Amino acid sequence: MADRSLKPHPHADATYVVEPVPEGFGVQVNVPGSYPAIVKGFATEAAAQDWVITHNAHVLAPPVQRGWRRR
């Protein structure tokens, strides 16, 4: 079985653009090879930028081992 930790997260090469939307602010997420997506619902530009930082940290973090283990 291949080591899954060597496979990059699908959003590892994504770019993020904070932009105003009618409801406040949104983040346009551009993943290479995919259509852009907009994450909406941020009241302030700072909140949208904080989401980008948090999301990017999650994407770049090492994978979490999950599942059943025998003891």
C-alpha atoms as a PDB file:
ATOM      1  CA  MET A   1       0.000   0.000   0.000  1.00  0.00           C
ATOM      2  CA  ALA A   2       1.349   3.448  -0.900  1.00  0.00           C
ATOM      3  CA  ASP A   3       2.212   5.936   1.824  1.00  0.00           C
ATOM      4  CA  ARG A   4      -0.659   8.445   1.877  1.00  0.00           C
ATOM      5  CA  SER A   5       1.481  11.072   3.589  1.00  0.00           C
ATOM      6  CA  LEU A   6       3.388  11.583   0.333  1.00  0.00           C
ATOM      7  CA  LYS A   7       0.263  12.595  -1.567  1.00  0.00           C
ATOM      8  CA  PRO A   8      -0.337  16.367  -1.349  1.00  0.00           C
ATOM      9  CA  HIS A   9      -3.679  17.778  -0.268  1.00  0.00           C
ATOM     10  CA  PRO A  10      -5.882  18.689  -3.283  1.00  0.00           C
ATOM     11  CA  HIS A  11      -5.847  22.356  -2.187  1.00  0.00           C
ATOM     12  CA  ALA A  12      -2.071  22.523  -1.640  1.00  0.00           C
ATOM     13  CA  ASP A  13      -1.608  24.673  -4.764  1.00  0.00           C
ATOM     14  CA  ALA A  14      -4.805  26.708  -4.330  1.00  0.00           C
ATOM     15  CA  THR A  15      -4.830  30.476  -4.430  1.00  0.00           C
ATOM     16  CA  TYR A  16      -7.191  32.608  -2.364  1.00  0.00           C
ATOM     17  CA  VAL A  17      -8.644  36.027  -3.155  1.00  0.00           C
ATOM     18  CA  VAL A  18     -10.723  37.968  -0.619  1.00  0.00           C
ATOM     19  CA  GLU A  19     -13.438  39.969  -2.369  1.00  0.00           C
ATOM     20  CA  PRO A  20     -16.557  41.903  -1.441  1.00  0.00           C
ATOM     21  CA  VAL A  21     -19.876  40.158  -2.056  1.00  0.00           C
ATOM     22  CA  PRO A  22     -23.414  41.469  -1.411  1.00  0.00           C
ATOM     23  CA  GLU A  23     -23.562  39.701   1.984  1.00  0.00           C
ATOM     24  CA  GLY A  24     -20.200  41.060   3.198  1.00  0.00           C
ATOM     25  CA  PHE A  25     -17.003  39.346   2.086  1.00  0.00           C
ATOM     26  CA  GLY A  26     -16.122  36.102   0.374  1.00  0.00           C
ATOM     27  CA  VAL A  27     -13.015  34.158  -0.522  1.00  0.00           C
ATOM     28  CA  GLN A  28     -12.533  32.942  -4.067  1.00  0.00           C
ATOM     29  CA  VAL A  29     -10.656  29.631  -3.930  1.00  0.00           C
ATOM     30  CA  ASN A  30      -8.853  28.681  -7.144  1.00  0.00           C
ATOM     31  CA  VAL A  31      -7.672  25.068  -7.223  1.00  0.00           C
ATOM     32  CA  PRO A  32      -5.654  24.193 -10.339  1.00  0.00           C
ATOM     33  CA  GLY A  33      -7.714  21.990 -12.656  1.00  0.00           C
ATOM     34  CA  SER A  34     -11.042  22.977 -11.030  1.00  0.00           C
ATOM     35  CA  TYR A  35     -13.582  25.727 -11.368  1.00  0.00           C
ATOM     36  CA  PRO A  36     -13.206  28.547  -8.817  1.00  0.00           C
ATOM     37  CA  ALA A  37     -15.376  28.380  -5.721  1.00  0.00           C
ATOM     38  CA  ILE A  38     -16.474  31.241  -3.488  1.00  0.00           C
ATOM     39  CA  VAL A  39     -16.750  30.745   0.271  1.00  0.00           C
ATOM     40  CA  LYS A  40     -19.215  33.373   1.531  1.00  0.00           C
ATOM     41  CA  GLY A  41     -20.546  34.549   4.846  1.00  0.00           C
ATOM     42  CA  PHE A  42     -17.755  36.659   6.321  1.00  0.00           C
ATOM     43  CA  ALA A  43     -18.883  39.902   7.939  1.00  0.00           C
ATOM     44  CA  THR A  44     -15.501  41.586   7.598  1.00  0.00           C
ATOM     45  CA  GLU A  45     -12.471  41.421   5.346  1.00  0.00           C
ATOM     46  CA  ALA A  46     -10.367  40.502   8.373  1.00  0.00           C
ATOM     47  CA  ALA A  47     -12.621  37.500   9.105  1.00  0.00           C
ATOM     48  CA  ALA A  48     -12.217  36.311   5.516  1.00  0.00           C
ATOM     49  CA  GLN A  49      -8.436  36.694   5.730  1.00  0.00           C
ATOM     50  CA  ASP A  50      -8.399  34.767   9.020  1.00  0.00           C
ATOM     51  CA  TRP A  51     -10.303  31.928   7.322  1.00  0.00           C
ATOM     52  CA  VAL A  52      -7.696  31.831   4.534  1.00  0.00           C
ATOM     53  CA  ILE A  53      -4.881  31.549   7.088  1.00  0.00           C
ATOM     54  CA  THR A  54      -6.677  28.826   9.072  1.00  0.00           C
ATOM     55  CA  HIS A  55      -7.690  26.872   5.970  1.00  0.00           C
ATOM     56  CA  ASN A  56      -4.207  27.043   4.489  1.00  0.00           C
ATOM     57  CA  ALA A  57      -2.683  25.829   7.785  1.00  0.00           C
ATOM     58  CA  HIS A  58      -5.114  22.874   7.743  1.00  0.00           C
ATOM     59  CA  VAL A  59      -4.215  22.050   4.145  1.00  0.00           C
ATOM     60  CA  LEU A  60      -0.471  22.136   4.813  1.00  0.00           C
ATOM     61  CA  ALA A  61      -0.650  20.185   8.097  1.00  0.00           C
ATOM     62  CA  PRO A  62       0.448  16.552   8.084  1.00  0.00           C
ATOM     63  CA  PRO A  63      -2.380  14.053   7.606  1.00  0.00           C
ATOM     64  CA  VAL A  64      -4.141  12.748  10.705  1.00  0.00           C
ATOM     65  CA  GLN A  65      -4.078   8.997  11.265  1.00  0.00           C
ATOM     66  CA  ARG A  66      -7.621   7.751  11.709  1.00  0.00           C
ATOM     67  CA  GLY A  67      -9.221   4.373  11.953  1.00  0.00           C
ATOM     68  CA  TRP A  68      -9.243   1.299  14.106  1.00  0.00           C
ATOM     69  CA  ARG A  69      -6.095  -0.115  15.584  1.00  0.00           C
ATOM     70  CA  ARG A  70      -5.604  -3.407  17.334  1.00  0.00           C
ATOM     71  CA  ARG A  71      -4.080  -3.205  20.763  1.00  0.00           C
END
